[in-house]
N, C-alpha and C. Protein backbone atom coordinates (compact mmCIF):
# COMPACT_ATOMS: atom_id res chain seq x y z
N MET A 1 0.76 -1.16 -0.14
CA MET A 1 0.31 -0.07 -0.28
C MET A 1 0.92 1.23 -0.01
N GLU A 2 0.30 2.08 -0.47
CA GLU A 2 1.59 3.85 -0.69
C GLU A 2 1.02 4.45 0.33
N ALA A 3 2.09 5.14 0.49
CA ALA A 3 1.99 5.99 1.74
C ALA A 3 1.17 7.08 1.40
N THR A 4 0.43 7.75 2.53
CA THR A 4 0.04 8.57 2.04
C THR A 4 0.18 10.13 2.91
N THR A 5 0.45 11.13 2.29
CA THR A 5 0.65 12.44 2.89
C THR A 5 -0.47 13.32 3.55
N ALA A 6 -0.60 13.82 4.11
CA ALA A 6 -1.76 14.99 5.01
C ALA A 6 -1.20 16.22 4.15
N GLY A 7 -2.53 16.99 3.64
CA GLY A 7 -2.17 18.22 3.33
C GLY A 7 -2.26 18.23 1.62
N PRO A 8 -2.06 19.20 1.48
CA PRO A 8 -1.93 19.57 -0.52
C PRO A 8 -0.39 19.32 -0.52
N THR A 9 -0.66 18.86 -1.96
CA THR A 9 0.68 18.49 -2.97
C THR A 9 0.71 19.28 -3.93
N ALA A 10 1.81 19.61 -4.55
CA ALA A 10 2.48 20.70 -5.45
C ALA A 10 1.09 21.04 -6.31
N ARG A 11 0.15 19.86 -6.59
CA ARG A 11 -0.70 20.02 -7.61
C ARG A 11 -2.25 20.51 -6.90
N GLY A 12 -2.05 20.45 -5.81
CA GLY A 12 -3.73 20.78 -4.69
C GLY A 12 -4.38 19.65 -4.87
N VAL A 13 -3.78 18.40 -4.76
CA VAL A 13 -4.80 17.35 -4.85
C VAL A 13 -4.68 16.73 -3.68
N ARG A 14 -5.59 16.19 -2.69
CA ARG A 14 -5.12 15.49 -1.29
C ARG A 14 -5.08 13.80 -1.66
N ARG A 15 -3.70 13.42 -1.40
CA ARG A 15 -3.62 12.08 -2.24
C ARG A 15 -4.35 11.11 -0.85
N GLU A 16 -4.91 11.12 0.10
CA GLU A 16 -6.19 10.32 0.98
C GLU A 16 -7.25 10.47 0.65
N THR A 17 -7.84 11.66 0.22
CA THR A 17 -9.33 11.65 -0.91
C THR A 17 -9.11 11.61 -2.23
N GLY A 18 -8.38 12.36 -3.23
CA GLY A 18 -8.59 12.17 -4.52
C GLY A 18 -8.84 13.40 -4.65
N ARG A 19 -9.57 14.56 -3.74
CA ARG A 19 -10.01 16.03 -4.14
C ARG A 19 -9.12 16.66 -3.66
N SER A 20 -9.83 17.94 -5.12
CA SER A 20 -8.83 18.79 -4.99
C SER A 20 -9.26 19.96 -3.80
N TRP A 21 -8.16 20.87 -3.22
CA TRP A 21 -8.28 21.22 -2.13
C TRP A 21 -8.22 22.95 -2.63
N PRO A 22 -9.13 23.62 -2.36
CA PRO A 22 -10.46 23.32 -1.44
C PRO A 22 -11.48 23.00 -2.27
N ARG A 23 -12.62 22.44 -1.72
CA ARG A 23 -13.47 21.48 -2.64
C ARG A 23 -13.96 22.78 -3.33
N ARG A 24 -14.51 22.22 -4.42
CA ARG A 24 -15.47 23.13 -5.56
C ARG A 24 -16.94 23.43 -5.24
N GLY A 25 -16.90 24.41 -5.01
CA GLY A 25 -17.68 25.60 -4.44
C GLY A 25 -17.89 25.96 -3.04
N GLU A 26 -16.73 25.61 -2.47
CA GLU A 26 -16.68 26.08 -0.94
C GLU A 26 -16.62 27.10 -0.95
N GLY A 27 -15.29 28.17 -1.36
CA GLY A 27 -15.22 29.68 -1.59
C GLY A 27 -16.46 30.21 -1.61
N ARG A 28 -18.02 29.78 -2.92
CA ARG A 28 -19.10 30.03 -2.97
C ARG A 28 -19.78 30.17 -1.56
N ARG A 29 -20.09 28.74 -1.07
CA ARG A 29 -20.43 28.84 -0.06
C ARG A 29 -19.81 29.82 1.28
N ARG A 30 -18.72 30.25 1.65
CA ARG A 30 -18.27 30.78 2.70
C ARG A 30 -18.50 32.21 2.60
N LEU A 31 -18.15 32.84 0.89
CA LEU A 31 -18.62 34.31 0.85
C LEU A 31 -20.22 33.95 1.03
N ALA A 32 -20.93 33.21 0.67
CA ALA A 32 -22.68 33.36 0.58
C ALA A 32 -22.69 33.31 2.26
N ALA A 33 -22.46 32.41 3.05
CA ALA A 33 -22.36 32.66 4.26
C ALA A 33 -21.75 33.76 5.04
N LEU A 34 -21.11 34.34 4.59
CA LEU A 34 -20.38 35.79 5.19
C LEU A 34 -21.58 36.75 4.80
N GLY A 35 -21.89 36.61 3.56
CA GLY A 35 -22.91 37.74 3.64
C GLY A 35 -24.11 37.93 4.14
N LEU A 36 -24.60 36.90 4.60
CA LEU A 36 -25.98 36.37 5.41
C LEU A 36 -25.51 36.76 6.82
N VAL A 37 -24.13 36.74 7.17
CA VAL A 37 -23.92 36.84 8.21
C VAL A 37 -24.12 38.72 8.17
N VAL A 38 -23.11 39.31 7.50
CA VAL A 38 -23.54 40.40 7.73
C VAL A 38 -24.84 41.48 7.24
N ALA A 39 -25.24 40.86 6.39
CA ALA A 39 -26.40 41.24 6.23
C ALA A 39 -27.44 40.74 7.50
N SER A 40 -27.51 39.92 7.97
CA SER A 40 -28.30 39.76 9.82
C SER A 40 -27.55 41.00 10.90
N GLY A 41 -26.34 40.99 10.48
CA GLY A 41 -25.58 42.14 11.74
C GLY A 41 -26.39 43.82 11.01
N ALA A 42 -26.47 43.68 9.64
CA ALA A 42 -26.91 45.25 9.82
C ALA A 42 -28.27 45.49 9.78
N LEU A 43 -29.39 44.30 10.00
CA LEU A 43 -30.98 44.31 10.09
C LEU A 43 -30.88 44.36 11.67
N LEU A 44 -30.21 43.63 12.16
CA LEU A 44 -30.01 43.61 13.83
C LEU A 44 -30.28 44.96 14.32
N ALA A 45 -28.60 45.60 13.83
CA ALA A 45 -28.38 46.78 13.99
C ALA A 45 -29.22 48.03 13.58
N ALA A 46 -30.17 48.12 12.70
CA ALA A 46 -30.74 48.90 12.43
C ALA A 46 -32.12 48.92 13.35
N CYS A 47 -32.49 47.85 13.81
CA CYS A 47 -33.61 47.26 14.49
C CYS A 47 -33.15 47.66 15.87
N GLY A 48 -32.42 47.69 16.76
CA GLY A 48 -31.38 47.89 17.95
C GLY A 48 -31.78 49.07 18.04
N GLY A 49 -31.48 50.53 17.44
CA GLY A 49 -30.96 51.68 17.98
C GLY A 49 -32.19 52.28 18.61
N SER A 50 -33.21 51.81 18.52
CA SER A 50 -34.17 53.06 18.81
C SER A 50 -35.08 52.30 20.09
N SER A 51 -34.20 51.49 20.85
CA SER A 51 -34.80 51.32 22.55
C SER A 51 -35.52 52.34 23.09
N THR A 52 -36.16 52.51 23.98
CA THR A 52 -36.12 53.38 24.90
C THR A 52 -37.53 53.23 25.80
N SER A 53 -37.08 53.68 26.90
CA SER A 53 -38.46 53.22 27.93
C SER A 53 -39.09 54.05 28.24
N THR A 54 -40.57 53.64 29.43
CA THR A 54 -41.88 54.37 28.88
C THR A 54 -41.59 55.63 29.29
N GLY A 55 -41.48 56.92 28.18
CA GLY A 55 -41.46 57.78 28.23
C GLY A 55 -40.16 58.85 28.81
N SER A 56 -39.72 57.71 29.22
CA SER A 56 -38.12 58.33 30.41
C SER A 56 -36.81 59.00 29.26
N THR A 57 -37.02 58.62 27.57
CA THR A 57 -35.95 59.22 27.05
C THR A 57 -36.27 59.25 25.88
N THR A 58 -37.44 60.63 25.74
CA THR A 58 -37.87 60.64 24.59
C THR A 58 -37.54 62.58 24.60
N GLY A 59 -36.15 62.67 24.92
CA GLY A 59 -35.68 64.17 24.89
C GLY A 59 -35.30 64.26 23.52
N SER A 60 -34.48 65.16 23.24
CA SER A 60 -33.19 65.38 22.12
C SER A 60 -32.09 64.23 22.32
N THR A 61 -32.41 63.44 21.41
CA THR A 61 -30.83 62.58 20.92
C THR A 61 -29.80 63.71 20.83
N ALA A 62 -28.86 63.42 21.05
CA ALA A 62 -27.70 64.09 21.13
C ALA A 62 -26.88 63.24 20.03
N SER A 63 -26.81 61.77 20.26
CA SER A 63 -25.85 60.88 19.30
C SER A 63 -26.23 59.47 19.78
N SER A 64 -25.84 58.75 19.01
CA SER A 64 -26.21 57.27 18.52
C SER A 64 -24.91 56.14 19.13
N GLY A 65 -24.11 56.93 20.32
CA GLY A 65 -23.06 56.51 20.74
C GLY A 65 -22.06 56.34 19.32
N THR A 66 -21.08 55.81 19.58
CA THR A 66 -20.05 55.82 18.32
C THR A 66 -19.52 54.72 17.21
N GLY A 67 -21.18 54.34 17.00
CA GLY A 67 -21.18 53.37 16.25
C GLY A 67 -20.39 52.18 16.06
N ASN A 68 -19.59 51.53 17.36
CA ASN A 68 -18.43 50.92 17.23
C ASN A 68 -19.25 49.59 18.48
N ALA A 69 -20.62 49.37 18.37
CA ALA A 69 -20.86 48.25 18.96
C ALA A 69 -20.94 47.25 18.13
N ALA A 70 -20.80 46.08 18.44
CA ALA A 70 -20.83 45.08 17.89
C ALA A 70 -22.41 44.39 17.47
N PRO A 71 -22.13 43.95 16.16
CA PRO A 71 -23.40 43.65 15.32
C PRO A 71 -24.42 43.13 16.74
N GLY A 72 -25.84 43.84 16.17
CA GLY A 72 -27.04 42.73 17.15
C GLY A 72 -26.58 43.62 18.15
N ILE A 73 -25.82 44.52 18.94
CA ILE A 73 -25.79 45.27 19.96
C ILE A 73 -26.54 46.36 20.16
N ASP A 74 -27.45 46.61 20.79
CA ASP A 74 -27.44 48.74 20.51
C ASP A 74 -26.53 49.06 21.08
N PRO A 75 -26.35 50.09 20.36
CA PRO A 75 -25.03 51.62 20.60
C PRO A 75 -25.54 52.00 21.58
N GLY A 76 -26.97 52.07 22.08
CA GLY A 76 -27.36 53.36 22.94
C GLY A 76 -27.86 54.52 22.37
N HIS A 77 -27.87 55.56 23.25
CA HIS A 77 -27.70 56.82 22.38
C HIS A 77 -27.76 57.73 23.67
N VAL A 78 -27.34 58.88 23.31
CA VAL A 78 -27.03 60.17 24.48
C VAL A 78 -28.40 60.67 23.76
N VAL A 79 -29.34 61.60 25.45
CA VAL A 79 -29.99 62.50 25.53
C VAL A 79 -30.11 63.59 26.20
N LEU A 80 -30.24 64.30 25.65
CA LEU A 80 -30.01 65.93 25.87
C LEU A 80 -31.17 66.68 26.59
N PRO A 81 -31.13 67.11 28.07
CA PRO A 81 -32.50 67.58 28.81
C PRO A 81 -32.90 68.64 27.86
N THR A 82 -34.29 68.75 28.02
CA THR A 82 -35.33 69.88 27.37
C THR A 82 -36.29 70.22 28.42
N ALA A 83 -36.95 71.21 28.11
CA ALA A 83 -37.77 72.13 28.92
C ALA A 83 -39.10 70.87 28.87
N SER A 84 -39.03 69.99 27.96
CA SER A 84 -39.89 69.05 28.78
C SER A 84 -40.14 67.72 28.97
N ASN A 85 -38.80 67.63 28.48
CA ASN A 85 -37.73 66.25 29.34
C ASN A 85 -36.88 66.62 30.08
N PRO A 86 -36.82 67.21 31.16
CA PRO A 86 -35.67 67.37 32.31
C PRO A 86 -34.64 66.29 32.62
N THR A 87 -34.09 66.06 33.31
CA THR A 87 -32.98 65.06 33.63
C THR A 87 -33.74 64.57 34.53
N PRO A 88 -33.79 63.21 34.31
CA PRO A 88 -34.14 61.70 35.19
C PRO A 88 -33.85 61.97 36.85
N SER A 89 -35.07 61.85 37.47
CA SER A 89 -34.35 61.66 38.71
C SER A 89 -33.57 60.39 39.26
N ALA A 90 -32.56 60.82 40.20
CA ALA A 90 -31.55 59.51 40.28
C ALA A 90 -31.88 58.81 40.78
N GLN A 91 -33.22 58.71 41.31
CA GLN A 91 -33.48 57.63 42.70
C GLN A 91 -34.94 56.75 41.68
N GLU A 92 -34.68 55.30 41.81
CA GLU A 92 -35.41 54.64 41.43
C GLU A 92 -36.21 54.40 42.09
N VAL A 93 -36.96 54.98 43.12
CA VAL A 93 -37.79 55.21 43.50
C VAL A 93 -37.69 56.31 44.70
N PRO A 94 -38.97 57.71 44.46
CA PRO A 94 -38.88 58.71 44.66
C PRO A 94 -38.90 58.79 46.28
N GLY A 95 -37.79 59.47 47.10
CA GLY A 95 -37.89 59.61 48.42
C GLY A 95 -36.78 58.49 48.76
N LYS A 96 -35.99 57.34 47.97
CA LYS A 96 -35.06 56.23 48.41
C LYS A 96 -33.86 56.53 47.61
N THR A 97 -32.86 56.52 48.28
CA THR A 97 -31.29 57.12 47.61
C THR A 97 -30.64 55.99 47.23
N ILE A 98 -30.32 55.55 46.18
CA ILE A 98 -29.68 54.54 45.56
C ILE A 98 -28.23 54.21 46.31
N ASP A 99 -28.19 52.86 46.73
CA ASP A 99 -27.07 52.34 47.63
C ASP A 99 -25.88 52.73 46.57
N PRO A 100 -24.25 53.64 47.09
CA PRO A 100 -23.53 53.53 45.88
C PRO A 100 -22.68 52.42 45.53
N VAL A 101 -22.76 51.23 46.76
CA VAL A 101 -22.65 50.48 46.15
C VAL A 101 -22.93 49.12 45.62
N LEU A 102 -24.29 49.13 46.01
CA LEU A 102 -25.02 47.62 45.21
C LEU A 102 -26.49 47.77 45.12
N ALA A 103 -26.58 47.92 44.20
CA ALA A 103 -28.63 48.04 44.03
C ALA A 103 -28.73 47.40 42.80
N ALA A 104 -30.15 47.16 42.96
CA ALA A 104 -31.02 46.66 41.65
C ALA A 104 -31.67 47.73 41.25
N GLY A 105 -32.04 47.63 39.85
CA GLY A 105 -32.75 49.20 39.61
C GLY A 105 -32.43 49.29 37.89
N GLN A 106 -32.65 50.16 37.45
CA GLN A 106 -32.29 50.56 35.99
C GLN A 106 -31.34 51.58 35.61
N THR A 107 -30.59 52.83 36.59
CA THR A 107 -30.63 54.01 36.75
C THR A 107 -28.54 53.83 37.67
N VAL A 108 -27.69 54.16 37.17
CA VAL A 108 -26.57 54.56 37.31
C VAL A 108 -26.66 56.09 37.35
N VAL A 109 -26.06 56.69 38.41
CA VAL A 109 -25.36 58.17 38.27
C VAL A 109 -24.13 58.17 38.16
N ILE A 110 -23.50 59.33 37.35
CA ILE A 110 -22.12 59.49 37.45
C ILE A 110 -22.10 60.54 38.12
N THR A 111 -21.44 61.15 38.71
CA THR A 111 -21.10 61.64 40.05
C THR A 111 -19.40 61.85 39.78
N ALA A 112 -18.98 63.08 40.16
CA ALA A 112 -17.78 63.49 39.96
C ALA A 112 -17.02 62.28 40.87
N GLY A 113 -17.54 61.30 42.01
CA GLY A 113 -16.63 60.61 42.28
C GLY A 113 -16.61 59.33 42.17
N GLY A 114 -17.58 58.89 41.16
CA GLY A 114 -17.50 57.54 40.83
C GLY A 114 -19.08 57.31 40.31
N PHE A 115 -19.11 56.27 39.72
CA PHE A 115 -20.73 55.59 39.02
C PHE A 115 -21.69 55.26 40.57
N VAL A 116 -22.56 55.65 40.75
CA VAL A 116 -23.22 55.22 41.75
C VAL A 116 -24.77 54.61 41.39
N PRO A 117 -24.98 53.17 41.80
CA PRO A 117 -23.99 52.49 42.32
C PRO A 117 -23.16 51.65 41.15
N HIS A 118 -21.88 51.35 42.23
CA HIS A 118 -20.95 50.51 41.56
C HIS A 118 -21.31 49.71 40.65
N ARG A 119 -21.72 48.94 41.71
CA ARG A 119 -22.75 47.55 40.86
C ARG A 119 -24.14 47.22 40.82
N LEU A 120 -24.69 47.08 39.40
CA LEU A 120 -25.82 47.51 39.63
C LEU A 120 -26.26 46.31 38.55
N PHE A 121 -27.57 45.89 39.61
CA PHE A 121 -28.29 44.67 39.12
C PHE A 121 -29.63 44.93 38.00
N ALA A 122 -29.55 44.42 36.73
CA ALA A 122 -30.73 45.25 36.15
C ALA A 122 -31.54 44.22 35.20
N ASP A 123 -32.69 44.47 35.13
CA ASP A 123 -33.56 43.62 34.28
C ASP A 123 -33.04 44.13 32.88
N LEU A 124 -32.88 43.01 31.90
CA LEU A 124 -32.36 42.66 30.87
C LEU A 124 -33.46 43.29 29.62
N THR A 125 -35.06 43.49 30.23
CA THR A 125 -35.72 43.86 29.22
C THR A 125 -36.16 45.40 29.30
N VAL A 126 -35.61 45.99 30.56
CA VAL A 126 -35.70 47.56 30.49
C VAL A 126 -34.84 48.31 30.18
N PRO A 127 -34.30 48.98 29.66
CA PRO A 127 -33.33 49.86 28.98
C PRO A 127 -32.69 50.52 30.53
N VAL A 128 -31.60 50.70 30.60
CA VAL A 128 -30.64 51.34 31.28
C VAL A 128 -29.83 52.55 31.26
N THR A 129 -30.03 53.29 32.28
CA THR A 129 -29.61 54.87 32.11
C THR A 129 -28.45 55.15 32.96
N TRP A 130 -28.11 56.09 32.04
CA TRP A 130 -26.67 56.80 32.86
C TRP A 130 -26.77 58.34 32.79
N ILE A 131 -27.48 58.51 33.97
CA ILE A 131 -27.34 60.17 34.19
C ILE A 131 -25.96 60.83 34.47
N ASN A 132 -25.43 61.87 33.88
CA ASN A 132 -24.32 62.85 34.13
C ASN A 132 -24.70 63.43 35.31
N ASP A 133 -24.47 63.50 36.47
CA ASP A 133 -24.36 64.21 37.33
C ASP A 133 -23.09 64.76 38.14
N SER A 134 -22.27 64.60 37.25
CA SER A 134 -20.67 64.93 37.78
C SER A 134 -20.35 66.65 37.77
N GLY A 135 -21.28 67.16 37.11
CA GLY A 135 -20.55 68.93 36.38
C GLY A 135 -19.78 68.76 35.26
N ALA A 136 -19.05 67.58 34.90
CA ALA A 136 -18.28 67.71 33.80
C ALA A 136 -18.69 66.58 32.36
N PRO A 137 -18.08 66.60 31.18
CA PRO A 137 -18.87 65.80 30.21
C PRO A 137 -18.04 64.18 30.64
N GLN A 138 -18.79 63.25 30.43
CA GLN A 138 -18.32 61.81 30.59
C GLN A 138 -18.90 60.91 29.51
N GLN A 139 -18.26 59.93 29.56
CA GLN A 139 -18.70 58.57 29.17
C GLN A 139 -18.64 57.24 29.58
N VAL A 140 -19.44 56.24 28.72
CA VAL A 140 -19.58 55.18 29.27
C VAL A 140 -19.20 54.10 28.47
N VAL A 141 -18.04 53.42 28.78
CA VAL A 141 -17.29 52.38 27.44
C VAL A 141 -17.13 51.54 28.31
N PHE A 142 -18.10 50.21 27.60
CA PHE A 142 -17.89 48.95 28.21
C PHE A 142 -16.48 48.07 28.07
N ASP A 143 -16.05 47.75 29.51
CA ASP A 143 -14.18 47.05 28.71
C ASP A 143 -14.28 46.01 27.78
N ASP A 144 -15.12 45.28 27.20
CA ASP A 144 -14.86 44.45 26.15
C ASP A 144 -14.89 45.45 24.91
N GLY A 145 -15.46 46.53 24.93
CA GLY A 145 -15.13 47.45 23.81
C GLY A 145 -16.58 47.42 22.85
N SER A 146 -17.56 46.47 23.68
CA SER A 146 -18.61 46.49 22.44
C SER A 146 -19.74 47.53 22.86
N VAL A 147 -19.39 48.20 23.80
CA VAL A 147 -20.33 49.86 23.86
C VAL A 147 -20.01 51.20 24.15
N HIS A 148 -19.76 51.85 23.04
CA HIS A 148 -18.93 53.15 23.95
C HIS A 148 -20.18 54.48 23.56
N SER A 149 -20.22 55.00 24.41
CA SER A 149 -21.28 56.01 24.92
C SER A 149 -21.11 57.60 23.81
N GLY A 150 -19.89 57.96 23.79
CA GLY A 150 -19.96 58.81 22.88
C GLY A 150 -19.34 60.07 24.43
N VAL A 151 -19.78 61.28 24.39
CA VAL A 151 -19.31 61.95 25.15
C VAL A 151 -21.36 62.37 26.04
N ILE A 152 -20.88 62.58 27.12
CA ILE A 152 -22.27 62.88 27.66
C ILE A 152 -22.16 63.90 28.47
N PRO A 153 -23.15 64.84 27.62
CA PRO A 153 -22.66 66.39 28.55
C PRO A 153 -23.69 66.18 29.77
N PRO A 154 -22.75 67.27 30.89
CA PRO A 154 -23.31 67.36 32.11
C PRO A 154 -24.74 67.05 32.25
N GLY A 155 -25.80 66.69 32.82
CA GLY A 155 -27.37 67.31 32.90
C GLY A 155 -27.93 65.81 31.64
N ALA A 156 -26.96 65.33 31.05
CA ALA A 156 -27.69 64.96 30.13
C ALA A 156 -27.87 63.26 30.33
N TRP A 157 -28.23 62.25 29.42
CA TRP A 157 -27.92 61.15 29.92
C TRP A 157 -28.00 59.91 28.93
N PHE A 158 -27.34 58.55 29.12
CA PHE A 158 -27.28 57.80 28.27
C PHE A 158 -27.72 56.45 28.39
N VAL A 159 -28.80 56.28 27.23
CA VAL A 159 -29.28 54.99 27.27
C VAL A 159 -29.05 53.67 26.54
N TRP A 160 -28.93 52.68 27.23
CA TRP A 160 -28.22 51.90 26.60
C TRP A 160 -29.42 50.40 26.63
N LYS A 161 -30.28 49.54 25.86
CA LYS A 161 -30.84 47.78 26.37
C LYS A 161 -30.08 46.90 25.40
N GLY A 162 -29.76 45.91 27.07
CA GLY A 162 -28.76 44.65 26.63
C GLY A 162 -29.85 43.83 25.79
N THR A 163 -29.31 42.64 25.47
CA THR A 163 -30.19 41.88 24.54
C THR A 163 -30.19 40.44 25.18
N TYR A 164 -29.27 40.17 26.30
CA TYR A 164 -29.26 39.21 26.31
C TYR A 164 -28.41 38.89 28.16
N GLY A 165 -28.51 38.36 29.06
CA GLY A 165 -27.84 38.19 30.20
C GLY A 165 -26.36 38.39 30.27
N ILE A 166 -26.35 39.27 30.66
CA ILE A 166 -24.32 39.71 30.97
C ILE A 166 -23.93 40.42 32.26
N GLY A 167 -22.99 40.13 32.59
CA GLY A 167 -22.18 40.45 33.59
C GLY A 167 -20.97 41.22 32.92
N ILE A 168 -21.20 42.75 33.11
CA ILE A 168 -19.62 43.46 31.90
C ILE A 168 -19.29 44.40 33.37
N GLY A 169 -17.47 44.77 33.01
CA GLY A 169 -17.41 45.96 33.74
C GLY A 169 -17.38 47.02 33.05
N TYR A 170 -17.54 48.34 33.31
CA TYR A 170 -17.25 49.62 32.16
C TYR A 170 -17.12 50.66 33.00
N HIS A 171 -16.42 51.37 32.43
CA HIS A 171 -15.72 52.63 32.66
C HIS A 171 -15.79 54.09 31.99
N SER A 172 -15.51 55.16 32.58
CA SER A 172 -15.50 56.46 31.85
C SER A 172 -14.05 57.26 31.59
N ALA A 173 -13.85 57.66 30.44
CA ALA A 173 -12.47 58.33 30.34
C ALA A 173 -11.90 58.93 31.28
N THR A 174 -12.19 59.19 32.50
CA THR A 174 -11.89 59.87 33.59
C THR A 174 -11.39 58.88 34.85
N GLY A 175 -11.59 57.40 34.30
CA GLY A 175 -11.23 55.98 35.12
C GLY A 175 -11.72 55.47 36.22
N GLN A 176 -12.98 56.16 36.00
CA GLN A 176 -14.09 55.81 37.15
C GLN A 176 -14.75 53.80 36.45
N GLN A 177 -14.75 53.30 37.41
CA GLN A 177 -15.24 51.71 37.07
C GLN A 177 -16.67 51.50 37.66
N GLY A 178 -17.42 50.31 37.27
CA GLY A 178 -18.19 49.85 37.65
C GLY A 178 -18.61 48.53 37.13
N VAL A 179 -19.71 47.83 37.33
CA VAL A 179 -20.25 46.50 36.63
C VAL A 179 -21.84 46.70 36.59
N LEU A 180 -22.35 46.13 35.69
CA LEU A 180 -23.57 45.99 35.27
C LEU A 180 -23.59 44.22 34.78
N THR A 181 -25.27 44.42 35.82
CA THR A 181 -25.49 42.30 35.51
C THR A 181 -26.69 42.78 34.99
N LEU A 182 -27.05 42.36 33.83
CA LEU A 182 -27.93 42.17 33.07
C LEU A 182 -28.64 40.51 33.15
N GLN A 183 -29.95 40.53 33.92
CA GLN A 183 -30.84 39.29 34.16
C GLN A 183 -32.10 39.28 33.88
N ALA A 184 -32.89 38.44 33.63
CA ALA A 184 -33.95 38.06 33.20
C ALA A 184 -35.07 38.63 33.97
N GLY A 185 -35.97 39.07 33.88
CA GLY A 185 -36.90 39.60 35.29
C GLY A 185 -36.36 40.28 36.52
N PRO A 186 -37.38 40.72 37.13
CA PRO A 186 -37.31 41.62 38.24
C PRO A 186 -36.48 41.01 39.38
């Protein structure tokens, strides 16, 4: 029996199978699959950028993030306060302050001292809002690079809605750190 060698030969024929490499039509199938992935990502991105919660983010939209969100991930948007849509309350429940270390809810306040709460457990079916109460322009950037808010002016807020459960760190351009955990249901 003749010995076979793995891999292509000088003529592009695999000896053990006798087939040419790559197989005929394989390049077209790969190209079609890539086209399907790109089209799906574009469709998901087009659907994902309009998330708003019940009336709390209907102000003037300043930007749609920086556009570097991964396909299928909502890049979020910055909302500027207006006379008819002032900066939302920094409290989840009126009269109750947010625990600075650990809290459940949908709101993070960006202060001069950091993100409040530092760790937020949020319902993935409702958008998360970061309110800039620091007096200076801020940004929210997910540590994995999947979401970048762009500049959030003082008094404005950034709204983002996840599509699946996740635990992720995020930071600001000034070095503040926070952790967001999205989970199903309240």
